[in-house]
Amino acid sequence: MEETDEAVELVARVAALDIGKATVMACVRTPHPDKPGRRRQEVREYATTTRALIGLADRLRTMEVTLVAMEATSDYWKPVFYLLEAEGFECWLLNAKHVKNVPGRPKTDKLDAVWLAKVVERGMCRPSFVPPKPIRRLRDLTRYRRTLVRDRTREKQRLEKLLEDAQIKLSTVASNIYGVSGRAMLEALISGERDPKVLAQMARARMRAKISQLEEALHGHFEDHHALICQMMLERIDDLTARIDELTDTIDEAVAPYTAQIARLDEVTGIGTTAAQDVIAELGVDMSVFPTAAHLVSWAKFAPQARQSAGKTKQATTGKGNPWLAGTIGEVVATASRTNTFLAERYRRLAKHRGKQRAIVAVGNSVLTIIWHLLSDPEARYHDLGPDFHQSRINPQRQQRNLVRQLEHLTGQTVTLTPRPEQTAA
């Protein structure tokens, strides 16, 4: 018999909450005072206002509840979780998929709360990761900054489409139409200037070498209504940029306690200061919640799930994890893939045979593993293995067999290798 390290223990006093927008159904299960081995339960409905939730906390404290569990229902769980956590209760946030009710039974808020309480008291579920309060504050800031960056990108794309509608091909000549030269041309167009030669002369620095191309690109039919919309879009872009800069200053103050961790992450290929801030906002700096790097990778859904049935292993996806963390890791991989480093070479090797999407997930797996080690050990430092790491460890005989096999496949002939005669010294 194989011995397991799982502690089988019944939670004596547990509360489960089925949370909605306006109300929360609470089921409390405790030992029966007169009948040993039997349970007693109480189900009550509370409003989700602060005063009602404080009353719920007082009731749970009266019944000596030691564990409070709830499903992650939209954002409605947050005020309940945070308030009960502040009141000193141990709170578990559960994935709804992990505590799904048995099919065929009636479904009501009361029955859902009772079922959740039974699952939790028997230890048949695990809590989701909820970072501490300082990290949650930082997460709110970084997520909103990313949202504003996305909004600014969308507005820039709308402006480029507007220019295409007016037959202004500025983006085909200038890599950044929002730089000094591009912005001067756009503002001149808004002011009423339509002469392509005059507009092209506004080019600065290296753009001066493309004046003839700019004259062709700026020859269109930009009209007054285009100017009106373009002006509004530029103002919108400027406003979003100002808000992003303001948020960045606030984030810089919020991450001051984590300067050392950010500096270590910044050494990793593809991870800059902004990406390091986003990573810490999503994961925190305490890696004890993830026993190993594999636990972190699995939680982030950057590892394929095991799917085996009847002795056969089937192809499975990684699943859907934290979209904010996935977006940051994807940007890190995209940045690293354009460098001459180990991660870039790993991406290119995998993309050639497995495709870009699988390569992003695989390299993201490596990046998360590196992040776990850097945050777990304050003395750890990132050391790049170099782009020739894999090539230097390939068995020469194995590589020789592969090349011979490829040549035979291409020519349809048998390839025999003969030793090259030694060259005599002249």
Protein backbone atom coordinates (compact mmCIF):
# COMPACT_ATOMS: atom_id res chain seq x y z
CA MET A 1 0.00 0.00 0.00
CA GLU A 2 1.22 3.48 -0.86
CA GLU A 3 1.24 6.02 1.92
CA THR A 4 -0.02 9.51 1.09
CA ASP A 5 0.87 12.78 2.75
CA GLU A 6 -2.67 14.17 2.60
CA ALA A 7 -4.17 14.97 5.98
CA VAL A 8 -7.72 13.64 6.19
CA GLU A 9 -9.51 15.97 8.57
CA LEU A 10 -13.10 17.08 8.87
CA VAL A 11 -13.49 20.84 9.33
CA ALA A 12 -15.61 21.03 12.47
CA ARG A 13 -17.08 24.50 12.05
CA VAL A 14 -17.40 25.73 8.48
CA ALA A 15 -19.47 28.33 6.67
CA ALA A 16 -20.18 28.41 2.94
CA LEU A 17 -21.49 31.45 1.09
CA ASP A 18 -23.44 31.53 -2.15
CA ILE A 19 -22.92 35.12 -3.27
CA GLY A 20 -25.08 37.26 -5.53
CA LYS A 21 -25.13 40.95 -6.29
CA ALA A 22 -27.74 41.92 -3.68
CA THR A 23 -27.83 38.97 -1.30
CA VAL A 24 -25.59 36.23 0.08
CA MET A 25 -26.87 32.84 1.26
CA ALA A 26 -24.84 31.54 4.21
CA CYS A 27 -24.82 27.90 5.35
CA VAL A 28 -23.09 27.17 8.67
CA ARG A 29 -22.38 23.55 9.65
CA THR A 30 -21.21 22.69 13.16
CA PRO A 31 -21.09 19.53 15.34
CA HIS A 32 -24.38 18.56 16.94
CA PRO A 33 -24.20 19.25 20.70
CA ASP A 34 -26.28 16.21 21.73
CA LYS A 35 -25.63 13.64 19.01
CA PRO A 36 -21.98 12.73 18.54
CA GLY A 37 -21.01 12.22 14.90
CA ARG A 38 -23.98 14.21 13.62
CA ARG A 39 -23.97 17.69 12.10
CA ARG A 40 -26.18 20.70 12.59
CA GLN A 41 -26.63 23.37 9.95
CA GLU A 42 -28.12 26.84 9.74
CA VAL A 43 -28.98 28.58 6.46
CA ARG A 44 -29.69 32.31 6.41
CA GLU A 45 -29.84 35.03 3.79
CA TYR A 46 -28.04 38.34 4.26
CA ALA A 47 -27.85 41.51 2.20
CA THR A 48 -24.48 42.45 0.68
CA THR A 49 -24.40 45.89 2.29
CA THR A 50 -21.58 46.61 4.72
CA ARG A 51 -23.83 46.69 7.78
CA ALA A 52 -25.42 43.34 6.87
CA LEU A 53 -22.04 41.73 6.23
CA ILE A 54 -20.79 42.91 9.62
CA GLY A 55 -23.87 41.23 11.10
CA LEU A 56 -22.91 38.04 9.20
CA ALA A 57 -19.40 38.23 10.65
CA ASP A 58 -20.81 38.61 14.19
CA ARG A 59 -23.03 35.56 13.64
CA LEU A 60 -20.12 33.48 12.36
CA ARG A 61 -18.02 34.54 15.32
CA THR A 62 -20.83 33.58 17.71
CA MET A 63 -20.96 30.09 16.17
CA GLU A 64 -17.15 29.82 16.39
CA VAL A 65 -16.70 29.26 12.66
CA THR A 66 -13.06 28.62 11.73
CA LEU A 67 -13.30 28.52 7.92
CA VAL A 68 -15.43 30.53 5.46
CA ALA A 69 -15.63 29.42 1.83
CA MET A 70 -17.22 31.08 -1.17
CA GLU A 71 -17.29 30.73 -4.94
CA ALA A 72 -15.62 33.26 -7.23
CA THR A 73 -18.80 34.81 -8.63
CA SER A 74 -17.87 37.72 -10.91
CA ASP A 75 -16.57 40.54 -8.67
CA TYR A 76 -19.32 40.11 -6.09
CA TRP A 77 -17.09 37.92 -3.89
CA LYS A 78 -14.53 40.67 -3.30
CA PRO A 79 -16.34 42.87 -0.71
CA VAL A 80 -17.51 39.79 1.21
CA PHE A 81 -14.07 38.17 1.15
CA TYR A 82 -12.21 41.32 2.11
CA LEU A 83 -14.56 42.23 4.94
CA LEU A 84 -14.53 38.74 6.50
CA GLU A 85 -10.77 38.55 6.06
CA ALA A 86 -10.42 41.86 7.91
CA GLU A 87 -12.65 40.46 10.67
CA GLY A 88 -10.08 37.71 11.26
CA PHE A 89 -11.69 34.74 9.52
CA GLU A 90 -9.78 32.29 7.35
CA CYS A 91 -11.40 32.70 3.94
CA TRP A 92 -11.24 30.37 0.96
CA LEU A 93 -12.05 31.43 -2.57
CA LEU A 94 -13.09 28.44 -4.66
CA ASN A 95 -13.26 27.83 -8.38
CA ALA A 96 -16.89 27.14 -9.30
CA LYS A 97 -15.79 24.31 -11.61
CA HIS A 98 -14.20 22.48 -8.69
CA VAL A 99 -17.33 22.46 -6.53
CA LYS A 100 -19.99 21.96 -9.16
CA ASN A 101 -23.23 20.44 -7.89
CA VAL A 102 -24.26 16.92 -8.85
CA PRO A 103 -26.33 16.97 -12.09
CA GLY A 104 -29.99 16.12 -11.78
CA ARG A 105 -30.56 17.75 -8.42
CA PRO A 106 -32.58 20.95 -7.95
CA LYS A 107 -30.55 24.12 -7.99
CA THR A 108 -31.33 26.95 -5.59
CA ASP A 109 -29.17 29.38 -3.65
CA LYS A 110 -29.90 27.48 -0.44
CA LEU A 111 -29.01 24.07 -1.88
CA ASP A 112 -25.87 25.49 -3.48
CA ALA A 113 -24.70 26.89 -0.13
CA VAL A 114 -25.38 23.58 1.63
CA TRP A 115 -23.55 21.59 -1.05
CA LEU A 116 -20.56 23.96 -0.91
CA ALA A 117 -20.41 23.60 2.89
CA LYS A 118 -20.41 19.79 2.62
CA VAL A 119 -17.64 19.81 0.03
CA VAL A 120 -15.46 22.15 2.08
CA GLU A 121 -15.91 20.44 5.43
CA ARG A 122 -14.76 17.12 3.91
CA GLY A 123 -11.63 18.68 2.39
CA MET A 124 -12.69 17.90 -1.18
CA CYS A 125 -11.51 21.22 -2.65
CA ARG A 126 -8.57 23.58 -2.57
CA PRO A 127 -8.62 27.37 -2.23
CA SER A 128 -7.63 29.66 -5.06
CA PHE A 129 -4.72 32.05 -4.78
CA VAL A 130 -5.71 35.45 -3.38
CA PRO A 131 -2.77 37.84 -2.87
CA PRO A 132 -2.39 39.95 0.29
CA LYS A 133 -3.88 43.43 0.50
CA PRO A 134 -0.79 45.46 -0.62
CA ILE A 135 -0.44 43.29 -3.73
CA ARG A 136 -4.17 43.62 -4.44
CA ARG A 137 -3.85 47.41 -4.38
CA LEU A 138 -0.90 47.22 -6.77
CA ARG A 139 -2.84 44.82 -8.99
CA ASP A 140 -5.71 47.29 -9.33
CA LEU A 141 -3.29 49.96 -10.51
CA THR A 142 -1.35 47.81 -12.98
CA ARG A 143 -4.48 46.26 -14.47
CA TYR A 144 -6.05 49.65 -15.05
CA ARG A 145 -2.83 50.89 -16.63
CA ARG A 146 -2.88 47.96 -19.04
CA THR A 147 -6.53 48.72 -19.81
CA LEU A 148 -5.68 52.34 -20.65
CA VAL A 149 -2.75 51.22 -22.82
CA ARG A 150 -5.12 48.96 -24.75
CA ASP A 151 -7.61 51.81 -25.14
CA ARG A 152 -4.85 54.08 -26.46
CA THR A 153 -3.77 51.41 -28.94
CA ARG A 154 -7.34 51.06 -30.20
CA GLU A 155 -7.63 54.83 -30.62
CA LYS A 156 -4.38 54.91 -32.60
CA GLN A 157 -5.70 52.15 -34.83
CA ARG A 158 -8.90 54.13 -35.41
CA LEU A 159 -6.84 57.16 -36.40
CA GLU A 160 -4.82 55.11 -38.87
CA LYS A 161 -8.03 53.81 -40.42
CA LEU A 162 -9.28 57.39 -40.72
CA LEU A 163 -6.12 58.33 -42.61
CA GLU A 164 -6.61 55.35 -44.90
CA ASP A 165 -10.15 56.55 -45.59
CA ALA A 166 -8.66 59.91 -46.64
CA GLN A 167 -6.01 58.18 -48.82
CA ILE A 168 -3.20 59.43 -46.56
CA LYS A 169 -0.56 56.65 -46.56
CA LEU A 170 1.66 58.17 -43.89
CA SER A 171 1.96 54.90 -41.94
CA THR A 172 3.52 53.14 -44.96
CA VAL A 173 6.50 55.54 -44.86
CA ALA A 174 6.83 56.44 -41.17
CA SER A 175 7.17 53.62 -38.67
CA ASN A 176 5.64 55.85 -35.98
CA ILE A 177 3.13 58.44 -37.17
CA TYR A 178 2.89 59.80 -33.60
CA GLY A 179 6.53 60.88 -33.45
CA VAL A 180 7.75 64.45 -33.87
CA SER A 181 7.54 64.42 -37.68
CA GLY A 182 4.27 62.51 -37.94
CA ARG A 183 2.56 64.59 -35.27
CA ALA A 184 3.60 67.85 -37.00
CA MET A 185 2.12 66.62 -40.29
CA LEU A 186 -1.14 65.51 -38.64
CA GLU A 187 -1.57 68.84 -36.88
CA ALA A 188 -0.88 70.67 -40.15
CA LEU A 189 -3.54 68.58 -41.90
CA ILE A 190 -6.01 69.46 -39.13
CA SER A 191 -5.13 73.15 -39.49
CA GLY A 192 -6.02 73.08 -43.18
CA GLU A 193 -2.72 72.45 -44.95
CA ARG A 194 -3.24 70.09 -47.91
CA ASP A 195 -0.11 70.58 -50.05
CA PRO A 196 1.92 67.32 -49.95
CA LYS A 197 5.21 69.14 -50.57
CA VAL A 198 4.68 71.52 -47.67
CA LEU A 199 3.64 68.67 -45.40
CA ALA A 200 6.64 66.53 -46.40
CA GLN A 201 9.06 69.34 -45.51
CA MET A 202 7.98 68.99 -41.89
CA ALA A 203 10.00 65.78 -41.65
CA ARG A 204 12.77 65.77 -39.07
CA ALA A 205 16.04 63.84 -38.59
CA ARG A 206 16.13 60.54 -40.51
CA MET A 207 12.70 61.20 -42.01
CA ARG A 208 14.31 63.86 -44.22
CA ALA A 209 15.68 61.08 -46.41
CA LYS A 210 12.10 60.02 -47.27
CA ILE A 211 10.72 63.37 -48.43
CA SER A 212 9.90 62.13 -51.94
CA GLN A 213 8.05 59.12 -50.50
CA LEU A 214 6.24 61.36 -48.03
CA GLU A 215 5.01 63.61 -50.84
CA GLU A 216 3.41 60.59 -52.51
CA ALA A 217 1.98 59.26 -49.25
CA LEU A 218 0.46 62.63 -48.25
CA HIS A 219 -1.33 63.15 -51.56
CA GLY A 220 -4.94 62.27 -50.71
CA HIS A 221 -8.38 63.75 -50.14
CA PHE A 222 -8.25 64.80 -46.48
CA GLU A 223 -11.42 66.83 -45.87
CA ASP A 224 -12.83 68.97 -43.07
CA HIS A 225 -14.77 66.17 -41.40
CA HIS A 226 -11.57 64.08 -41.37
CA ALA A 227 -9.82 66.98 -39.64
CA LEU A 228 -12.54 67.22 -36.98
CA ILE A 229 -12.42 63.50 -36.16
CA CYS A 230 -8.61 63.43 -36.29
CA GLN A 231 -8.42 66.30 -33.80
CA MET A 232 -10.74 64.47 -31.38
CA MET A 233 -8.70 61.28 -31.70
CA LEU A 234 -5.41 63.04 -31.03
CA GLU A 235 -6.89 64.70 -27.95
CA ARG A 236 -8.14 61.33 -26.77
CA ILE A 237 -4.69 59.77 -27.29
CA ASP A 238 -3.00 62.64 -25.42
CA ASP A 239 -5.46 62.35 -22.54
CA LEU A 240 -4.90 58.58 -22.26
CA THR A 241 -1.13 59.12 -22.35
CA ALA A 242 -1.39 61.62 -19.49
CA ARG A 243 -3.51 59.20 -17.44
CA ILE A 244 -1.04 56.36 -18.11
CA ASP A 245 1.88 58.51 -16.99
CA GLU A 246 -0.01 59.49 -13.85
CA LEU A 247 -0.75 55.85 -13.05
CA THR A 248 2.87 54.90 -13.69
CA ASP A 249 4.04 57.44 -11.11
CA THR A 250 1.59 56.02 -8.56
CA ILE A 251 2.69 52.46 -9.35
CA ASP A 252 6.35 53.42 -8.91
CA GLU A 253 5.51 54.57 -5.37
CA ALA A 254 3.47 51.43 -4.64
CA VAL A 255 6.27 49.05 -5.71
CA ALA A 256 8.94 50.82 -3.66
CA PRO A 257 9.03 47.95 -1.09
CA TYR A 258 9.73 45.49 -3.91
CA THR A 259 12.63 47.33 -5.55
CA ALA A 260 15.03 44.42 -5.04
CA GLN A 261 12.67 41.88 -6.62
CA ILE A 262 11.99 44.17 -9.60
CA ALA A 263 15.74 44.64 -10.13
CA ARG A 264 16.28 40.86 -10.23
CA LEU A 265 13.40 40.32 -12.65
CA ASP A 266 14.63 43.17 -14.83
CA GLU A 267 17.79 41.16 -15.55
CA VAL A 268 15.76 38.48 -17.37
CA THR A 269 15.69 38.75 -21.15
CA GLY A 270 12.45 40.41 -22.26
CA ILE A 271 11.38 41.58 -18.80
CA GLY A 272 11.56 45.33 -18.31
CA THR A 273 10.52 47.45 -15.36
CA THR A 274 6.88 47.62 -16.44
CA ALA A 275 6.63 43.86 -17.02
CA ALA A 276 8.31 43.19 -13.65
CA GLN A 277 5.75 45.42 -11.92
CA ASP A 278 2.90 43.58 -13.67
CA VAL A 279 4.33 40.18 -12.68
CA ILE A 280 4.65 41.13 -9.02
CA ALA A 281 1.13 42.61 -9.06
CA GLU A 282 -0.28 39.27 -10.28
CA LEU A 283 1.92 36.85 -8.30
CA GLY A 284 3.15 38.78 -5.31
CA VAL A 285 6.64 38.23 -3.92
CA ASP A 286 5.90 35.34 -1.54
CA MET A 287 6.47 32.17 -3.57
CA SER A 288 5.69 29.91 -0.61
CA VAL A 289 2.12 29.73 -1.94
CA PHE A 290 3.58 27.79 -4.88
CA PRO A 291 5.63 24.88 -3.45
CA THR A 292 7.60 24.45 -6.68
CA ALA A 293 8.07 26.22 -9.99
CA ALA A 294 5.89 23.54 -11.57
CA HIS A 295 3.01 24.57 -9.29
CA LEU A 296 3.30 28.16 -10.49
CA VAL A 297 3.45 27.11 -14.15
CA SER A 298 0.42 24.86 -13.69
CA TRP A 299 -1.54 27.58 -11.89
CA ALA A 300 -0.78 30.04 -14.69
CA LYS A 301 -1.93 27.45 -17.27
CA PHE A 302 1.38 27.37 -19.13
CA ALA A 303 1.65 23.59 -18.91
CA PRO A 304 -0.50 21.02 -20.78
CA GLN A 305 -3.06 19.25 -18.65
CA ALA A 306 -2.86 15.49 -18.20
CA ARG A 307 -5.64 13.70 -20.07
CA GLN A 308 -5.47 9.92 -19.98
CA SER A 309 -8.24 7.39 -20.41
CA ALA A 310 -8.24 3.62 -20.98
CA GLY A 311 -4.46 3.61 -20.94
CA LYS A 312 -4.23 6.15 -23.77
CA THR A 313 -2.86 9.64 -23.43
CA LYS A 314 -4.82 12.20 -25.42
CA GLN A 315 -3.85 15.66 -26.55
CA ALA A 316 -4.96 18.34 -24.11
CA THR A 317 -4.79 22.12 -23.92
CA THR A 318 -3.30 24.15 -21.11
CA GLY A 319 -6.66 25.67 -20.14
CA LYS A 320 -7.47 29.28 -19.31
CA GLY A 321 -5.53 30.93 -16.53
CA ASN A 322 -4.99 34.51 -15.37
CA PRO A 323 -5.44 36.61 -18.57
CA TRP A 324 -3.51 39.58 -17.14
CA LEU A 325 -0.48 37.44 -16.31
CA ALA A 326 -0.74 35.61 -19.63
CA GLY A 327 -0.72 38.91 -21.49
CA THR A 328 2.42 40.04 -19.67
CA ILE A 329 4.23 36.74 -20.23
CA GLY A 330 3.24 36.80 -23.90
CA GLU A 331 4.77 40.26 -24.30
CA VAL A 332 7.93 39.09 -22.53
CA VAL A 333 8.28 36.13 -24.89
CA ALA A 334 7.65 38.32 -27.94
CA THR A 335 10.36 40.75 -26.79
CA ALA A 336 12.83 37.99 -25.93
CA SER A 337 12.29 36.23 -29.28
CA ARG A 338 13.92 39.18 -31.08
CA THR A 339 17.18 38.91 -29.12
CA ASN A 340 20.26 36.71 -29.44
CA THR A 341 19.80 34.76 -26.21
CA PHE A 342 18.89 31.31 -24.91
CA LEU A 343 15.17 32.12 -24.68
CA ALA A 344 15.14 33.51 -28.21
CA GLU A 345 16.86 30.42 -29.62
CA ARG A 346 14.47 28.18 -27.70
CA TYR A 347 11.53 30.07 -29.21
CA ARG A 348 12.91 29.80 -32.75
CA ARG A 349 13.64 26.07 -32.41
CA LEU A 350 10.13 25.33 -31.15
CA ALA A 351 8.35 27.68 -33.56
CA LYS A 352 9.98 25.95 -36.52
CA HIS A 353 8.57 22.52 -35.61
CA ARG A 354 5.59 23.18 -33.34
CA GLY A 355 4.27 26.57 -34.44
CA LYS A 356 4.41 30.01 -32.87
CA GLN A 357 1.55 29.53 -30.40
CA ARG A 358 3.04 26.41 -28.85
CA ALA A 359 6.44 28.07 -28.80
CA ILE A 360 5.02 31.03 -26.86
CA VAL A 361 3.53 28.69 -24.26
CA ALA A 362 6.72 26.64 -23.94
CA VAL A 363 8.99 29.68 -23.59
CA GLY A 364 6.44 31.24 -21.23
CA ASN A 365 6.80 28.09 -19.15
CA SER A 366 10.55 28.73 -18.96
CA VAL A 367 10.04 32.41 -18.09
CA LEU A 368 7.69 31.55 -15.22
CA THR A 369 10.17 28.99 -13.92
CA ILE A 370 12.89 31.64 -13.93
CA ILE A 371 10.57 34.10 -12.16
CA TRP A 372 9.76 31.55 -9.44
CA HIS A 373 13.42 30.91 -8.69
CA LEU A 374 14.31 34.63 -8.65
CA LEU A 375 11.45 35.46 -6.26
CA SER A 376 12.01 32.40 -4.07
CA ASP A 377 15.73 32.93 -3.49
CA PRO A 378 16.93 36.51 -2.75
CA GLU A 379 20.47 35.44 -3.65
CA ALA A 380 19.54 34.04 -7.08
CA ARG A 381 20.58 35.93 -10.20
CA TYR A 382 19.66 35.37 -13.81
CA HIS A 383 22.38 34.02 -16.06
CA ASP A 384 21.70 33.60 -19.76
CA LEU A 385 22.83 30.24 -21.13
CA GLY A 386 23.53 31.68 -24.57
CA PRO A 387 21.98 31.00 -27.99
CA ASP A 388 24.30 28.03 -28.62
CA PHE A 389 23.29 26.15 -25.46
CA HIS A 390 21.28 23.44 -27.26
CA GLN A 391 23.66 23.15 -30.20
CA SER A 392 26.66 22.62 -27.93
CA ARG A 393 24.93 19.68 -26.23
CA ILE A 394 23.76 17.81 -29.29
CA ASN A 395 25.38 14.41 -29.68
CA PRO A 396 27.52 14.62 -32.87
CA GLN A 397 26.67 11.06 -33.88
CA ARG A 398 22.95 11.67 -33.43
CA GLN A 399 23.17 14.87 -35.47
CA GLN A 400 25.09 12.97 -38.17
CA ARG A 401 22.36 10.29 -38.38
CA ASN A 402 19.66 12.96 -38.65
CA LEU A 403 21.45 14.77 -41.45
CA VAL A 404 22.04 11.53 -43.37
CA ARG A 405 18.39 10.58 -42.98
CA GLN A 406 17.29 14.00 -44.28
CA LEU A 407 19.64 13.75 -47.28
CA GLU A 408 18.37 10.27 -48.14
CA HIS A 409 14.79 11.53 -47.91
CA LEU A 410 15.54 14.42 -50.29
CA THR A 411 17.53 12.46 -52.88
CA GLY A 412 15.88 9.05 -52.63
CA GLN A 413 19.32 7.46 -52.59
CA THR A 414 21.38 5.65 -49.99
CA VAL A 415 24.06 7.82 -48.42
CA THR A 416 27.29 6.21 -47.25
CA LEU A 417 29.81 8.20 -45.28
CA THR A 418 33.51 7.59 -45.90
CA PRO A 419 36.33 9.07 -43.87
CA ARG A 420 38.04 12.04 -45.47
CA PRO A 421 41.66 11.30 -46.32
CA GLU A 422 44.09 13.14 -44.15
CA GLN A 423 45.66 16.09 -45.92
CA THR A 424 49.40 15.83 -46.04
CA ALA A 425 51.38 18.86 -45.11
CA ALA A 426 52.62 20.83 -48.08
